[in-house]
Amino acid sequence: MTTVTVSEKYQVVIPKDVRKSLAIRPGQKIEVIVHEGRAEFIPVRDLKAMRGFLRGIDTRVPRDKDRV
């Protein structure tokens, strides 16, 4: 676990190992979600970069008859 400090301007620096593991680049947008007393930072990916990320997923799931 990594700890960061909030500056007087309420800014934090994302540690290098976190930036690297999430492939965060300068200027990239990050979505912030507050959930159960914590903040979650989720990198916003370009739609083109997301192409094919579900390749191979099994789509054979039972469905309700009114949802086909």
N, C-alpha and C. Protein backbone atom coordinates (compact mmCIF):
# COMPACT_ATOMS: atom_id res chain seq x y z
N MET A 1 0.84 -1.17 0.00
CA MET A 1 0.00 0.00 0.00
C MET A 1 0.89 1.23 0.00
N THR A 2 0.47 2.25 -0.74
CA THR A 2 1.24 3.48 -0.86
C THR A 2 0.47 4.62 -0.23
N THR A 3 1.17 5.50 0.47
CA THR A 3 0.55 6.66 1.10
C THR A 3 0.99 7.92 0.37
N VAL A 4 0.04 8.84 0.15
CA VAL A 4 0.36 10.12 -0.46
C VAL A 4 -0.10 11.23 0.48
N THR A 5 0.41 12.44 0.26
CA THR A 5 0.06 13.60 1.07
C THR A 5 -0.72 14.59 0.24
N VAL A 6 -1.77 15.15 0.82
CA VAL A 6 -2.57 16.16 0.15
C VAL A 6 -1.90 17.52 0.38
N SER A 7 -1.67 18.28 -0.71
CA SER A 7 -1.02 19.59 -0.60
C SER A 7 -2.02 20.63 -0.13
N GLU A 8 -1.55 21.83 0.10
CA GLU A 8 -2.42 22.94 0.51
C GLU A 8 -3.46 23.27 -0.55
N LYS A 9 -3.18 22.91 -1.80
CA LYS A 9 -4.13 23.14 -2.90
C LYS A 9 -4.99 21.90 -3.15
N TYR A 10 -4.98 20.95 -2.21
CA TYR A 10 -5.75 19.70 -2.30
C TYR A 10 -5.32 18.85 -3.50
N GLN A 11 -4.04 18.85 -3.79
CA GLN A 11 -3.50 18.05 -4.89
C GLN A 11 -2.72 16.88 -4.31
N VAL A 12 -2.70 15.77 -5.06
CA VAL A 12 -1.89 14.61 -4.68
C VAL A 12 -1.08 14.18 -5.89
N VAL A 13 0.03 13.56 -5.64
CA VAL A 13 0.86 13.01 -6.71
C VAL A 13 0.62 11.51 -6.74
N ILE A 14 0.29 10.99 -7.90
CA ILE A 14 0.08 9.55 -8.05
C ILE A 14 1.47 8.91 -8.14
N PRO A 15 1.78 8.01 -7.23
CA PRO A 15 3.11 7.40 -7.22
C PRO A 15 3.44 6.70 -8.54
N LYS A 16 4.73 6.69 -8.86
CA LYS A 16 5.19 6.14 -10.14
C LYS A 16 4.76 4.70 -10.36
N ASP A 17 4.86 3.85 -9.33
CA ASP A 17 4.48 2.45 -9.51
C ASP A 17 2.99 2.30 -9.81
N VAL A 18 2.15 3.18 -9.24
CA VAL A 18 0.71 3.15 -9.51
C VAL A 18 0.44 3.64 -10.94
N ARG A 19 1.10 4.75 -11.33
CA ARG A 19 0.94 5.26 -12.69
C ARG A 19 1.33 4.20 -13.71
N LYS A 20 2.43 3.52 -13.44
CA LYS A 20 2.92 2.52 -14.36
C LYS A 20 1.96 1.32 -14.46
N SER A 21 1.47 0.84 -13.33
CA SER A 21 0.60 -0.34 -13.35
C SER A 21 -0.75 -0.04 -13.99
N LEU A 22 -1.23 1.21 -13.91
CA LEU A 22 -2.50 1.59 -14.52
C LEU A 22 -2.33 2.25 -15.88
N ALA A 23 -1.10 2.40 -16.33
CA ALA A 23 -0.78 3.03 -17.63
C ALA A 23 -1.38 4.42 -17.73
N ILE A 24 -1.23 5.21 -16.67
CA ILE A 24 -1.74 6.59 -16.66
C ILE A 24 -0.72 7.51 -17.30
N ARG A 25 -1.18 8.35 -18.20
CA ARG A 25 -0.32 9.29 -18.93
C ARG A 25 -0.69 10.73 -18.57
N PRO A 26 0.24 11.67 -18.73
CA PRO A 26 -0.08 13.09 -18.47
C PRO A 26 -1.24 13.55 -19.33
N GLY A 27 -2.16 14.28 -18.74
CA GLY A 27 -3.31 14.81 -19.47
C GLY A 27 -4.49 13.85 -19.54
N GLN A 28 -4.30 12.62 -19.09
CA GLN A 28 -5.37 11.64 -19.13
C GLN A 28 -6.42 11.96 -18.08
N LYS A 29 -7.68 11.70 -18.40
CA LYS A 29 -8.77 11.93 -17.47
C LYS A 29 -8.93 10.72 -16.56
N ILE A 30 -9.30 10.99 -15.29
CA ILE A 30 -9.52 9.96 -14.31
C ILE A 30 -10.86 10.23 -13.65
N GLU A 31 -11.71 9.23 -13.62
CA GLU A 31 -13.02 9.36 -12.99
C GLU A 31 -12.85 9.10 -11.49
N VAL A 32 -13.52 9.92 -10.68
CA VAL A 32 -13.45 9.77 -9.23
C VAL A 32 -14.83 9.38 -8.71
N ILE A 33 -14.88 8.28 -8.00
CA ILE A 33 -16.14 7.79 -7.44
C ILE A 33 -15.97 7.70 -5.92
N VAL A 34 -16.91 8.28 -5.18
CA VAL A 34 -16.90 8.17 -3.73
C VAL A 34 -17.87 7.04 -3.36
N HIS A 35 -17.35 6.05 -2.63
CA HIS A 35 -18.16 4.88 -2.29
C HIS A 35 -17.81 4.41 -0.88
N GLU A 36 -18.80 4.37 -0.01
CA GLU A 36 -18.63 3.88 1.36
C GLU A 36 -17.42 4.49 2.07
N GLY A 37 -17.31 5.80 2.00
CA GLY A 37 -16.27 6.50 2.73
C GLY A 37 -14.88 6.47 2.12
N ARG A 38 -14.80 6.08 0.86
CA ARG A 38 -13.49 6.08 0.19
C ARG A 38 -13.64 6.64 -1.21
N ALA A 39 -12.53 7.12 -1.76
CA ALA A 39 -12.52 7.65 -3.12
C ALA A 39 -11.80 6.64 -4.01
N GLU A 40 -12.42 6.32 -5.13
CA GLU A 40 -11.82 5.41 -6.09
C GLU A 40 -11.51 6.19 -7.37
N PHE A 41 -10.29 6.06 -7.85
CA PHE A 41 -9.84 6.76 -9.04
C PHE A 41 -9.74 5.74 -10.17
N ILE A 42 -10.52 5.97 -11.24
CA ILE A 42 -10.58 5.03 -12.35
C ILE A 42 -10.15 5.73 -13.63
N PRO A 43 -9.07 5.26 -14.27
CA PRO A 43 -8.63 5.88 -15.51
C PRO A 43 -9.71 5.75 -16.59
N VAL A 44 -9.97 6.84 -17.29
CA VAL A 44 -10.93 6.83 -18.40
C VAL A 44 -10.16 6.42 -19.64
N ARG A 45 -10.61 5.35 -20.25
CA ARG A 45 -9.94 4.83 -21.44
C ARG A 45 -10.67 5.29 -22.70
N ASP A 46 -9.91 5.53 -23.76
CA ASP A 46 -10.47 5.88 -25.05
C ASP A 46 -11.23 4.68 -25.59
N LEU A 47 -12.35 4.93 -26.23
CA LEU A 47 -13.17 3.85 -26.75
C LEU A 47 -12.39 2.95 -27.71
N LYS A 48 -11.53 3.53 -28.52
CA LYS A 48 -10.72 2.74 -29.44
C LYS A 48 -9.76 1.82 -28.69
N ALA A 49 -9.26 2.27 -27.56
CA ALA A 49 -8.34 1.45 -26.77
C ALA A 49 -9.07 0.28 -26.12
N MET A 50 -10.36 0.39 -25.93
CA MET A 50 -11.15 -0.66 -25.30
C MET A 50 -11.59 -1.74 -26.29
N ARG A 51 -11.40 -1.51 -27.57
CA ARG A 51 -11.84 -2.45 -28.59
C ARG A 51 -11.20 -3.82 -28.39
N GLY A 52 -12.05 -4.83 -28.30
CA GLY A 52 -11.57 -6.20 -28.19
C GLY A 52 -11.25 -6.67 -26.78
N PHE A 53 -11.49 -5.85 -25.76
CA PHE A 53 -11.10 -6.27 -24.42
C PHE A 53 -11.99 -7.39 -23.86
N LEU A 54 -13.13 -7.63 -24.48
CA LEU A 54 -14.00 -8.73 -24.05
C LEU A 54 -13.91 -9.94 -24.98
N ARG A 55 -12.94 -9.95 -25.85
CA ARG A 55 -12.78 -11.05 -26.79
C ARG A 55 -12.66 -12.37 -26.03
N GLY A 56 -13.45 -13.35 -26.46
CA GLY A 56 -13.40 -14.66 -25.85
C GLY A 56 -14.36 -14.85 -24.68
N ILE A 57 -15.12 -13.82 -24.32
CA ILE A 57 -16.05 -13.93 -23.19
C ILE A 57 -17.20 -14.86 -23.58
N ASP A 58 -17.64 -15.67 -22.63
CA ASP A 58 -18.75 -16.60 -22.87
C ASP A 58 -20.07 -15.84 -22.75
N THR A 59 -20.80 -15.76 -23.83
CA THR A 59 -22.07 -15.00 -23.84
C THR A 59 -23.28 -15.91 -23.68
N ARG A 60 -23.03 -17.21 -23.46
CA ARG A 60 -24.14 -18.15 -23.28
C ARG A 60 -24.58 -18.15 -21.82
N VAL A 61 -25.48 -17.26 -21.48
CA VAL A 61 -26.01 -17.17 -20.13
C VAL A 61 -27.53 -17.31 -20.19
N PRO A 62 -28.15 -17.88 -19.15
CA PRO A 62 -29.60 -17.99 -19.15
C PRO A 62 -30.22 -16.59 -19.11
N ARG A 63 -31.23 -16.37 -19.93
CA ARG A 63 -31.89 -15.07 -19.99
C ARG A 63 -33.38 -15.24 -19.76
N ASP A 64 -34.00 -14.23 -19.16
CA ASP A 64 -35.45 -14.21 -19.00
C ASP A 64 -36.08 -14.07 -20.38
N LYS A 65 -37.22 -14.69 -20.57
CA LYS A 65 -37.86 -14.68 -21.88
C LYS A 65 -38.20 -13.27 -22.34
N ASP A 66 -38.48 -12.35 -21.42
CA ASP A 66 -38.83 -10.98 -21.82
C ASP A 66 -37.58 -10.12 -22.06
N ARG A 67 -36.38 -10.68 -21.92
CA ARG A 67 -35.14 -9.92 -22.10
C ARG A 67 -34.33 -10.40 -23.30
N VAL A 68 -34.91 -11.21 -24.16
CA VAL A 68 -34.17 -11.75 -25.31
C VAL A 68 -34.08 -10.72 -26.41
